[in-house]
Amino acid sequence: MAVATQVVTSIDYEQEGKQLGWLEVPQSTNTSGWATLSIPIAVIKNGDGPTALIFGGNHGDEFEGPVTLMNLARALNPDQIQGRVIFVPLLNRPAVEAGTRLSPIDGRNMNRAFPGERNDTITGIIAHYAAHMLIPMSDLVVDIHSGGRSNHFLPLVSMHQLSDDKQMKKMIDTAMAWGAPYVFIYRDIGGEGLLPGYAESLGKVTLGTEIGGASQFGKEMLAIADRGVRNMLKYTGILEGELEPPSSPPQVVVADLREDYIMAPVSGLFEPFYELGEPVEAGQALGQIHSLEDPFREPQSVLAQTSGMLITRRSFPLTKQGDCIAALVRPFRLE
């Protein structure tokens, strides 16, 4: 049954071969009463097999996903594929063009807009199409993120901890095939409406990533993203060839307590005391925040509430009360 959507496309998802096209999203602007926003999409299909749906540009200040998927869309040919691959490299194109986390059109976070609505702001209309047209036809859903402006991450593939052990094991196994240094089991602390959470709820093998973060865009991180997507497609039998193994096996880690995520108690300039990958004990100061209003006052210490390894920390020193400063992880084992 077709879903009522405002998005129009000339792409035929059942057509064999390679199609490079657009998702046309209606909008009205100050310069044009009738206009469309064009979201690029690539579909490569060859015979029967699984479907992989891979998004980049969910957040507009995370560029590893868009560059990786644009390169792959150009490079891959149907004779290399068994099944179907769908690339959406600029899911939130207005945000990517502005280099911002949120859409400059409606101020919304695409990764808090799922499943969206047919009659919504432009971010919700895009999310509605992805949620009701693209994700249901897919077996594997991947949403590539990379820390944005605010955080440094150790390169990782991420997912929620699910009650369905079979689905969880498939997701961990696929994430391990990616070959990033870490597989991160995380807890939502920033609200609902995530793309990965919606795909997981439909039973899809769903992966997110944090491939580095602010000021880390470069050859190493792009290589982790490209190799990971290719490995994952090979692991699922969609792309021909052997997996390229990582230099060391990925570690599976978890931050399942709210206290694992440390928020700034006050506003100011955050001075970190630890680098990524270092162990931190509960009660130790992760860093301190210097006041801008009272610069010669003793800075506010930021204490760890749990013990673990530092998987991410704030990269932009100017910090507001309530900003996430760091997250700590521990080894994870699926029961």
Protein backbone atom coordinates (compact mmCIF):
# COMPACT_ATOMS: atom_id res chain seq x y z
CA MET A 1 0.00 0.00 0.00
CA ALA A 2 1.46 3.34 -1.04
CA VAL A 3 2.12 5.87 1.71
CA ALA A 4 0.77 9.39 1.20
CA THR A 5 3.85 11.60 1.03
CA GLN A 6 4.58 15.06 -0.34
CA VAL A 7 7.98 13.96 -1.65
CA VAL A 8 8.22 13.22 -5.37
CA THR A 9 10.97 11.23 -7.11
CA SER A 10 11.66 9.78 -10.55
CA ILE A 11 13.63 6.94 -8.94
CA ASP A 12 12.20 3.47 -9.50
CA TYR A 13 13.40 1.39 -6.55
CA GLU A 14 12.69 -1.88 -8.40
CA GLN A 15 14.63 -0.97 -11.54
CA GLU A 16 17.81 -2.89 -12.26
CA GLY A 17 21.03 -0.92 -12.69
CA LYS A 18 22.28 2.35 -11.28
CA GLN A 19 20.11 5.44 -10.83
CA LEU A 20 21.31 8.84 -9.64
CA GLY A 21 18.44 11.17 -8.90
CA TRP A 22 16.58 13.40 -6.48
CA LEU A 23 13.92 13.41 -3.82
CA GLU A 24 11.94 16.59 -4.52
CA VAL A 25 10.51 18.17 -1.36
CA PRO A 26 7.96 20.98 -1.79
CA GLN A 27 8.65 24.28 -0.08
CA SER A 28 7.75 27.93 -0.28
CA THR A 29 10.44 30.57 0.19
CA ASN A 30 10.74 34.34 0.30
CA THR A 31 12.13 34.28 -3.23
CA SER A 32 9.79 31.68 -4.74
CA GLY A 33 6.25 30.86 -3.73
CA TRP A 34 6.49 27.54 -5.56
CA ALA A 35 9.81 25.74 -5.03
CA THR A 36 11.35 22.36 -4.29
CA LEU A 37 14.30 21.23 -2.22
CA SER A 38 16.27 18.51 -4.02
CA ILE A 39 17.75 15.73 -1.84
CA PRO A 40 20.22 13.55 -3.81
CA ILE A 41 19.67 9.79 -3.83
CA ALA A 42 21.53 6.92 -5.51
CA VAL A 43 20.09 3.44 -6.00
CA ILE A 44 22.17 0.52 -7.27
CA LYS A 45 20.32 -2.76 -7.86
CA ASN A 46 21.31 -6.11 -9.29
CA GLY A 47 19.01 -9.09 -8.91
CA ASP A 48 17.61 -10.46 -5.69
CA GLY A 49 19.26 -9.90 -2.33
CA PRO A 50 19.22 -7.71 0.77
CA THR A 51 18.72 -3.95 0.68
CA ALA A 52 21.11 -1.61 2.49
CA LEU A 53 19.97 1.97 3.15
CA ILE A 54 22.77 4.35 4.16
CA PHE A 55 22.31 7.97 5.22
CA GLY A 56 24.81 10.81 5.53
CA GLY A 57 24.21 14.43 6.46
CA ASN A 58 21.55 13.81 9.11
CA HIS A 59 23.42 16.57 10.95
CA GLY A 60 24.83 19.24 8.71
CA ASP A 61 28.12 19.76 10.55
CA GLU A 62 29.22 16.12 10.11
CA PHE A 63 30.84 15.70 6.70
CA GLU A 64 32.41 12.22 6.74
CA GLY A 65 29.12 10.59 5.78
CA PRO A 66 28.31 12.86 2.82
CA VAL A 67 31.80 12.61 1.32
CA THR A 68 32.01 8.82 1.80
CA LEU A 69 28.60 8.17 0.25
CA MET A 70 29.12 10.53 -2.69
CA ASN A 71 32.40 8.75 -3.46
CA LEU A 72 30.80 5.30 -3.20
CA ALA A 73 27.77 6.27 -5.29
CA ARG A 74 30.12 7.25 -8.10
CA ALA A 75 32.44 4.27 -7.70
CA LEU A 76 30.11 1.28 -7.33
CA ASN A 77 28.57 -0.45 -10.33
CA PRO A 78 25.63 -2.88 -10.52
CA ASP A 79 27.84 -5.84 -11.46
CA GLN A 80 29.54 -5.50 -8.05
CA ILE A 81 26.21 -5.70 -6.22
CA GLN A 82 23.90 -8.58 -5.36
CA GLY A 83 20.73 -7.00 -4.06
CA ARG A 84 20.25 -3.28 -3.61
CA VAL A 85 22.05 -0.29 -2.08
CA ILE A 86 20.36 3.07 -1.45
CA PHE A 87 22.59 6.04 -0.64
CA VAL A 88 21.16 9.31 0.72
CA PRO A 89 24.33 11.38 1.28
CA LEU A 90 22.64 14.69 2.22
CA LEU A 91 19.53 13.74 4.18
CA ASN A 92 19.37 17.23 5.73
CA ARG A 93 20.77 19.12 2.76
CA PRO A 94 19.93 22.63 4.09
CA ALA A 95 21.92 21.91 7.26
CA VAL A 96 24.87 20.47 5.31
CA GLU A 97 24.99 23.56 3.09
CA ALA A 98 24.94 25.77 6.18
CA GLY A 99 27.39 23.58 8.13
CA THR A 100 24.98 23.49 11.07
CA ARG A 101 23.54 20.72 13.21
CA LEU A 102 19.99 22.01 12.79
CA SER A 103 18.19 22.91 9.58
CA PRO A 104 18.42 26.65 8.87
CA ILE A 105 14.96 26.47 7.28
CA ASP A 106 12.92 25.36 10.30
CA GLY A 107 15.50 25.11 13.11
CA ARG A 108 14.85 21.40 13.63
CA ASN A 109 17.18 18.50 14.36
CA MET A 110 16.58 15.81 11.72
CA ASN A 111 17.61 13.17 14.24
CA ARG A 112 14.77 14.16 16.55
CA ALA A 113 12.12 14.35 13.78
CA PHE A 114 11.33 10.65 13.13
CA PRO A 115 8.95 9.29 12.02
CA GLY A 116 7.81 12.73 10.86
CA GLU A 117 4.45 13.64 9.35
CA ARG A 118 3.13 14.18 5.84
CA ASN A 119 2.10 17.76 6.67
CA ASP A 120 5.05 18.95 8.72
CA THR A 121 7.89 21.42 8.52
CA ILE A 122 10.39 20.55 5.81
CA THR A 123 12.57 18.50 8.18
CA GLY A 124 9.57 16.42 9.25
CA ILE A 125 8.44 15.92 5.63
CA ILE A 126 11.87 14.49 4.73
CA ALA A 127 11.85 12.30 7.85
CA HIS A 128 8.33 11.09 7.00
CA TYR A 129 9.45 9.93 3.53
CA ALA A 130 12.54 8.20 4.90
CA ALA A 131 10.55 6.55 7.69
CA HIS A 132 7.62 5.34 5.60
CA MET A 133 9.13 4.74 2.16
CA LEU A 134 12.85 4.02 2.45
CA ILE A 135 13.36 2.31 5.81
CA PRO A 136 10.54 -0.28 5.41
CA MET A 137 12.02 -1.60 2.14
CA SER A 138 15.47 -2.05 3.72
CA ASP A 139 17.10 -4.88 5.65
CA LEU A 140 20.10 -2.89 6.86
CA VAL A 141 19.87 0.80 7.88
CA VAL A 142 22.97 2.89 8.58
CA ASP A 143 23.11 6.50 9.75
CA ILE A 144 26.65 7.93 9.55
CA HIS A 145 27.49 10.56 12.18
CA SER A 146 30.77 12.09 13.28
CA GLY A 147 30.50 14.19 16.42
CA GLY A 148 29.64 17.51 14.81
CA ARG A 149 31.20 20.74 16.03
CA SER A 150 30.85 19.99 19.70
CA ASN A 151 32.47 16.62 20.47
CA HIS A 152 35.53 14.50 19.79
CA PHE A 153 34.82 10.75 19.60
CA LEU A 154 36.96 7.69 19.36
CA PRO A 155 35.84 6.23 16.00
CA LEU A 156 32.92 3.92 16.68
CA VAL A 157 29.82 2.18 15.39
CA SER A 158 26.81 2.65 17.66
CA MET A 159 23.43 1.16 18.56
CA HIS A 160 20.91 1.02 21.39
CA GLN A 161 20.67 -1.94 23.72
CA LEU A 162 17.57 -3.86 22.61
CA SER A 163 15.38 -6.41 24.35
CA ASP A 164 15.41 -8.60 21.23
CA ASP A 165 18.63 -10.58 21.68
CA LYS A 166 18.53 -11.99 18.13
CA GLN A 167 18.27 -8.54 16.56
CA MET A 168 20.92 -7.23 18.96
CA LYS A 169 23.38 -9.99 18.05
CA LYS A 170 22.89 -9.34 14.32
CA MET A 171 23.58 -5.67 14.89
CA ILE A 172 26.72 -6.29 16.96
CA ASP A 173 28.04 -8.81 14.44
CA THR A 174 27.47 -6.37 11.56
CA ALA A 175 29.04 -3.54 13.56
CA MET A 176 32.11 -5.70 14.26
CA ALA A 177 32.46 -6.29 10.53
CA TRP A 178 32.73 -2.52 10.00
CA GLY A 179 36.14 -2.65 11.65
CA ALA A 180 36.06 0.64 13.61
CA PRO A 181 38.02 0.56 16.88
CA TYR A 182 34.87 0.52 19.04
CA VAL A 183 31.26 -0.69 19.00
CA PHE A 184 29.31 1.57 21.35
CA ILE A 185 26.03 0.60 23.05
CA TYR A 186 24.48 3.91 24.07
CA ARG A 187 21.50 5.36 25.89
CA ASP A 188 19.36 8.24 24.62
CA ILE A 189 19.84 11.36 26.72
CA GLY A 190 18.95 14.03 24.15
CA GLY A 191 15.30 13.24 23.49
CA GLU A 192 13.23 11.00 21.22
CA GLY A 193 12.70 10.82 17.46
CA LEU A 194 16.05 9.34 16.39
CA LEU A 195 16.37 7.79 12.95
CA PRO A 196 18.23 4.71 14.29
CA GLY A 197 15.67 4.26 17.08
CA TYR A 198 12.82 4.25 14.57
CA ALA A 199 14.59 1.74 12.29
CA GLU A 200 15.40 -0.50 15.28
CA SER A 201 11.71 -0.44 16.28
CA LEU A 202 10.86 -1.95 12.87
CA GLY A 203 13.25 -4.83 13.51
CA LYS A 204 15.90 -3.62 11.08
CA VAL A 205 19.60 -4.28 11.55
CA THR A 206 20.45 -0.67 12.40
CA LEU A 207 23.80 1.01 12.94
CA GLY A 208 24.89 4.53 13.69
CA THR A 209 28.44 5.83 13.81
CA GLU A 210 30.54 8.55 15.35
CA ILE A 211 33.55 8.70 13.03
CA GLY A 212 35.70 11.19 14.92
CA GLY A 213 34.30 14.66 15.51
CA ALA A 214 35.10 18.35 15.38
CA SER A 215 38.34 19.20 13.58
CA GLN A 216 39.10 15.52 12.88
CA PHE A 217 37.88 15.49 9.26
CA GLY A 218 40.73 14.05 7.22
CA LYS A 219 42.25 11.04 5.53
CA GLU A 220 42.16 8.70 8.55
CA MET A 221 38.51 9.25 9.44
CA LEU A 222 37.38 9.12 5.82
CA ALA A 223 39.24 5.83 5.41
CA ILE A 224 37.45 4.36 8.47
CA ALA A 225 34.10 5.42 7.02
CA ASP A 226 34.76 4.14 3.48
CA ARG A 227 36.31 0.84 4.58
CA GLY A 228 33.52 0.34 7.10
CA VAL A 229 30.68 0.82 4.62
CA ARG A 230 32.36 -1.51 2.14
CA ASN A 231 33.04 -4.13 4.83
CA MET A 232 29.46 -3.98 6.05
CA LEU A 233 28.09 -4.42 2.53
CA LYS A 234 30.44 -7.36 1.99
CA TYR A 235 29.44 -8.93 5.31
CA THR A 236 25.75 -8.80 4.36
CA GLY A 237 26.48 -10.33 0.95
CA ILE A 238 25.54 -7.25 -1.07
CA LEU A 239 29.03 -6.24 -2.24
CA GLU A 240 31.53 -8.67 -3.72
CA GLY A 241 35.00 -9.15 -2.23
CA GLU A 242 36.71 -10.02 1.04
CA LEU A 243 36.41 -7.94 4.20
CA GLU A 244 39.36 -5.69 4.94
CA PRO A 245 40.28 -6.52 8.55
CA PRO A 246 41.14 -3.80 11.07
CA SER A 247 44.59 -3.62 12.67
CA SER A 248 43.06 -4.88 15.94
CA PRO A 249 39.65 -6.37 16.83
CA PRO A 250 36.94 -3.83 17.73
CA GLN A 251 36.03 -3.49 21.40
CA VAL A 252 32.34 -3.55 22.39
CA VAL A 253 31.59 -0.99 25.10
CA VAL A 254 28.48 0.36 26.81
CA ALA A 255 27.32 3.51 28.58
CA ASP A 256 23.93 2.38 29.91
CA LEU A 257 23.62 4.64 32.96
CA ARG A 258 22.48 8.23 32.74
CA GLU A 259 25.35 9.09 35.07
CA ASP A 260 27.80 7.90 32.38
CA TYR A 261 26.94 11.09 30.47
CA ILE A 262 28.40 14.13 32.25
CA MET A 263 26.65 17.46 31.76
CA ALA A 264 28.18 20.86 32.47
CA PRO A 265 27.08 22.08 35.93
CA VAL A 266 27.78 25.72 35.00
CA SER A 267 28.59 27.79 31.90
CA GLY A 268 32.10 28.91 30.92
CA LEU A 269 35.29 27.58 29.32
CA PHE A 270 35.78 23.83 29.75
CA GLU A 271 39.36 22.71 30.42
CA PRO A 272 39.73 18.92 29.99
CA PHE A 273 42.02 16.82 32.18
CA TYR A 274 41.81 13.57 30.17
CA GLU A 275 42.24 12.51 26.56
CA LEU A 276 40.04 10.02 24.73
CA GLY A 277 40.72 6.40 25.62
CA GLU A 278 42.01 7.15 29.13
CA PRO A 279 40.43 5.52 32.21
CA VAL A 280 38.57 7.68 34.72
CA GLU A 281 37.44 6.71 38.21
CA ALA A 282 34.20 7.86 39.84
CA GLY A 283 34.85 10.99 41.88
CA GLN A 284 37.80 12.14 39.77
CA ALA A 285 37.65 15.53 38.06
CA LEU A 286 37.25 15.16 34.29
CA GLY A 287 38.10 18.82 33.93
CA GLN A 288 37.05 22.23 35.16
CA ILE A 289 34.97 25.14 33.90
CA HIS A 290 36.29 28.68 34.09
CA SER A 291 33.77 31.48 34.62
CA LEU A 292 33.73 34.31 32.08
CA GLU A 293 31.72 36.60 34.37
CA ASP A 294 34.09 36.07 37.33
CA PRO A 295 37.36 34.99 35.66
CA PHE A 296 39.53 35.02 38.80
CA ARG A 297 37.20 32.83 40.82
CA GLU A 298 38.34 29.22 41.29
CA PRO A 299 36.99 27.13 38.37
CA GLN A 300 34.16 24.64 38.87
CA SER A 301 35.37 21.04 38.94
CA VAL A 302 33.42 18.53 36.85
CA LEU A 303 33.42 15.14 38.57
CA ALA A 304 32.87 11.71 37.06
CA GLN A 305 29.88 9.93 38.59
CA THR A 306 30.86 6.49 37.29
CA SER A 307 34.09 4.74 36.34
CA GLY A 308 35.05 3.92 32.78
CA MET A 309 36.97 4.87 29.66
CA LEU A 310 36.51 8.29 28.07
CA ILE A 311 34.79 7.60 24.70
CA THR A 312 33.90 11.22 23.92
CA ARG A 313 34.57 14.68 25.29
CA ARG A 314 33.55 18.20 24.42
CA SER A 315 35.83 19.72 21.78
CA PHE A 316 34.56 23.32 21.75
CA PRO A 317 35.68 24.90 25.04
CA LEU A 318 32.88 27.48 25.27
CA THR A 319 30.27 25.53 27.20
CA LYS A 320 26.77 26.20 28.46
CA GLN A 321 25.22 24.72 31.57
CA GLY A 322 23.69 21.37 30.59
CA ASP A 323 25.97 20.70 27.59
CA CYS A 324 27.34 17.15 27.46
CA ILE A 325 31.02 17.32 28.38
CA ALA A 326 31.96 13.65 28.30
CA ALA A 327 30.75 10.05 28.34
CA LEU A 328 32.34 7.03 30.00
CA VAL A 329 32.04 3.43 28.82
CA ARG A 330 32.73 -0.06 30.13
CA PRO A 331 33.13 -3.45 28.40
CA PHE A 332 29.85 -4.95 27.15
CA ARG A 333 28.90 -8.60 26.88
CA LEU A 334 25.67 -9.83 25.34
CA GLU A 335 24.09 -12.36 27.68
